[in-house]
Protein backbone atom coordinates (compact mmCIF):
# COMPACT_ATOMS: atom_id res chain seq x y z
CA MET A 1 44.93 -25.84 -74.33
CA ASN A 2 45.81 -26.39 -70.79
CA LYS A 3 45.84 -22.66 -70.44
CA LYS A 4 42.28 -22.42 -71.80
CA ILE A 5 41.06 -25.13 -69.47
CA PHE A 6 42.82 -23.51 -66.57
CA LEU A 7 41.28 -20.09 -67.37
CA SER A 8 37.86 -21.70 -67.82
CA ILE A 9 38.13 -23.46 -64.46
CA LEU A 10 39.36 -20.25 -62.85
CA THR A 11 36.43 -18.30 -64.32
CA ILE A 12 33.91 -20.91 -63.18
CA PHE A 13 35.48 -20.95 -59.70
CA SER A 14 35.38 -17.13 -59.51
CA ILE A 15 31.72 -16.99 -60.54
CA ALA A 16 30.87 -19.78 -58.09
CA SER A 17 32.72 -17.95 -55.27
CA MET A 18 30.83 -14.72 -55.91
CA ALA A 19 27.51 -16.55 -56.08
CA SER A 20 28.16 -18.47 -52.86
CA ALA A 21 29.34 -15.31 -51.08
CA GLY A 22 25.98 -13.73 -51.83
CA THR A 23 24.14 -16.65 -50.23
CA TRP A 24 26.16 -16.24 -47.02
CA ALA A 25 24.99 -12.68 -46.47
CA TYR A 26 22.90 -11.98 -43.33
CA PHE A 27 19.88 -9.71 -43.18
CA SER A 28 19.81 -7.18 -40.38
CA ASP A 29 17.75 -4.23 -39.30
CA ILE A 30 17.88 -1.94 -36.30
CA GLU A 31 15.23 0.23 -34.67
CA THR A 32 15.54 2.57 -31.72
CA SER A 33 12.89 2.65 -29.02
CA GLY A 34 11.47 6.02 -28.07
CA SER A 35 11.64 7.53 -24.62
CA ASN A 36 11.45 4.90 -21.84
CA ALA A 37 10.66 7.07 -18.84
CA LEU A 38 9.92 5.62 -15.40
CA THR A 39 8.18 7.39 -12.55
CA ALA A 40 8.23 6.26 -8.93
CA GLY A 41 4.80 5.49 -7.50
CA THR A 42 3.37 7.42 -4.58
CA LEU A 43 1.60 6.71 -1.32
CA LYS A 44 -0.47 9.66 -0.14
CA LEU A 45 -2.65 9.13 2.90
CA GLU A 46 -5.62 11.43 3.26
CA MET A 47 -7.45 11.26 6.56
CA GLN A 48 -10.30 13.36 7.86
CA THR A 49 -10.73 13.91 11.55
CA THR A 50 -12.98 11.35 13.15
CA LYS A 51 -16.52 12.40 13.84
CA THR A 52 -16.63 13.46 17.46
CA ILE A 53 -18.86 11.43 19.70
CA THR A 54 -20.35 14.62 21.10
CA ASP A 55 -21.82 15.31 17.64
CA SER A 56 -24.09 12.29 18.07
CA GLY A 57 -25.20 13.22 21.62
CA ASP A 58 -23.63 10.04 23.05
CA ALA A 59 -20.70 11.74 24.78
CA TYR A 60 -21.48 10.41 28.25
CA LEU A 61 -20.88 6.70 28.53
CA VAL A 62 -21.92 4.54 31.45
CA PRO A 63 -20.45 1.13 32.29
CA GLY A 64 -21.31 -1.43 29.61
CA GLN A 65 -22.18 1.16 26.95
CA SER A 66 -20.56 1.60 23.52
CA VAL A 67 -20.74 4.21 20.78
CA SER A 68 -19.42 4.08 17.25
CA GLY A 69 -17.51 6.43 15.02
CA SER A 70 -15.38 6.11 11.92
CA ILE A 71 -12.25 7.49 10.34
CA PRO A 72 -12.52 8.26 6.60
CA ILE A 73 -9.18 7.21 5.06
CA LYS A 74 -8.07 7.56 1.42
CA ASN A 75 -4.97 6.43 -0.45
CA ASP A 76 -4.62 9.35 -2.84
CA GLY A 77 -1.41 7.86 -4.24
CA THR A 78 -0.68 5.63 -7.22
CA VAL A 79 0.33 2.35 -5.50
CA THR A 80 -1.29 -0.03 -3.01
CA GLY A 81 -0.13 0.21 0.59
CA ASP A 82 -0.49 -1.68 3.87
CA LEU A 83 -2.62 0.21 6.39
CA TYR A 84 -1.76 0.29 10.10
CA ILE A 85 -3.30 2.07 13.08
CA LYS A 86 -2.39 2.70 16.70
CA MET A 87 -4.08 4.71 19.42
CA SER A 88 -3.00 6.78 22.34
CA SER A 89 -4.72 9.04 24.81
CA GLU A 90 -3.66 12.33 26.27
CA ASN A 91 -5.28 11.25 29.55
CA LYS A 92 -3.49 8.01 30.48
CA ASP A 93 -6.04 7.23 33.24
CA CYS A 94 -8.85 6.93 30.72
CA ILE A 95 -7.31 3.71 29.36
CA ASN A 96 -8.49 2.09 32.62
CA TYR A 97 -12.10 2.98 31.80
CA PHE A 98 -12.47 3.20 28.03
CA THR A 99 -11.42 1.05 25.06
CA ALA A 100 -11.48 1.54 21.33
CA THR A 101 -11.73 -1.36 18.89
CA THR A 102 -11.85 -1.85 15.13
CA PRO A 103 -12.61 -4.94 13.03
CA VAL A 104 -9.60 -6.73 11.55
CA ASP A 105 -10.06 -9.97 9.58
CA GLY A 106 -13.54 -10.40 11.06
CA TYR A 107 -12.46 -9.91 14.68
CA GLU A 108 -12.66 -6.86 16.93
CA ARG A 109 -9.11 -5.76 17.76
CA GLU A 110 -8.45 -3.49 20.71
CA LEU A 111 -6.40 -0.48 19.72
CA GLY A 112 -3.39 0.51 21.78
CA ASP A 113 0.08 1.98 21.55
CA GLU A 114 1.36 -0.58 19.03
CA TYR A 115 0.54 -0.54 15.33
CA ILE A 116 -1.84 -3.23 14.12
CA LYS A 117 -2.34 -4.01 10.45
CA ILE A 118 -5.84 -3.22 9.24
CA GLY A 119 -5.33 -4.48 5.67
CA THR A 120 -4.36 -3.02 2.31
CA LEU A 121 -5.57 0.19 0.72
CA GLY A 122 -5.44 0.35 -3.07
CA ALA A 123 -4.47 3.39 -5.12
CA GLY A 124 -7.38 5.82 -5.07
CA GLU A 125 -9.33 3.66 -2.61
CA THR A 126 -11.29 5.19 0.28
CA ILE A 127 -12.59 3.39 3.37
CA ASP A 128 -14.48 4.42 6.49
CA LEU A 129 -12.59 2.66 9.27
CA PRO A 130 -15.13 1.87 12.01
CA ILE A 131 -14.13 2.54 15.60
CA VAL A 132 -16.18 1.38 18.59
CA TYR A 133 -15.60 3.23 21.85
CA SER A 134 -16.66 1.29 24.97
CA MET A 135 -16.74 1.59 28.74
CA ASP A 136 -16.19 -1.75 30.46
CA LYS A 137 -19.30 -3.01 32.28
CA ASP A 138 -17.30 -3.69 35.46
CA VAL A 139 -15.94 -0.15 35.83
CA THR A 140 -16.87 1.34 39.20
CA GLU A 141 -14.55 4.36 39.17
CA GLY A 142 -13.79 7.15 36.75
CA GLN A 143 -16.99 9.15 36.89
CA GLY A 144 -16.42 12.35 34.93
CA THR A 145 -13.18 11.07 33.36
CA ALA A 146 -12.73 12.44 29.84
CA ALA A 147 -11.08 10.45 27.06
CA ASN A 148 -9.40 12.07 24.11
CA PHE A 149 -8.20 9.32 21.79
CA VAL A 150 -5.52 10.07 19.20
CA PHE A 151 -5.19 7.70 16.24
CA ASP A 152 -2.00 7.41 14.22
CA VAL A 153 -2.76 5.89 10.83
CA LEU A 154 0.18 4.73 8.72
CA LEU A 155 0.23 3.70 5.06
CA ILE A 156 3.43 1.98 3.93
CA GLN A 157 4.51 0.30 0.72
CA GLN A 158 2.78 -3.06 0.35
CA GLY A 159 5.04 -5.87 1.54
CA ALA A 160 7.43 -3.58 3.43
CA PRO A 161 8.36 -4.62 6.99
CA ALA A 162 5.75 -3.84 9.61
CA PRO A 163 6.30 -0.68 11.64
CA THR A 164 7.91 -0.96 15.04
CA HIS A 165 6.44 0.10 18.37
CA THR A 166 7.59 3.72 18.08
């Protein structure tokens, strides 16, 4: 009889073990994501030549006079960039007689040989950057002096370090 009890206990224990093993099972499932491609963004500056002052008939400035022009600028890329501008002149003497300014943060900033930040230009955004050309009212020399301003416009990744003097 001990043998029957022992076999009965062994059978019960075996059934209980199998039942408890089933309750310890873990569910799992796995899925694989499709293609996860990345593409680097682009900055693509498009700039048309500024409208020449001579087109408006105001090519001859006298002391104290100003004329306006603009530079159409477009970010034809896919990311926002910081926009900078600097100016130079092929005739270095003209800097003594003429200035060029543009509005930055509500103030007129004189353009020169160092980059100044104009602001940001969003992907696909176009602006007309206003430029005011002036002859100082106190100029007494320079009659007949011609000014040919050259603008370097730079669009760099937003938040990147500002460009240096060169």
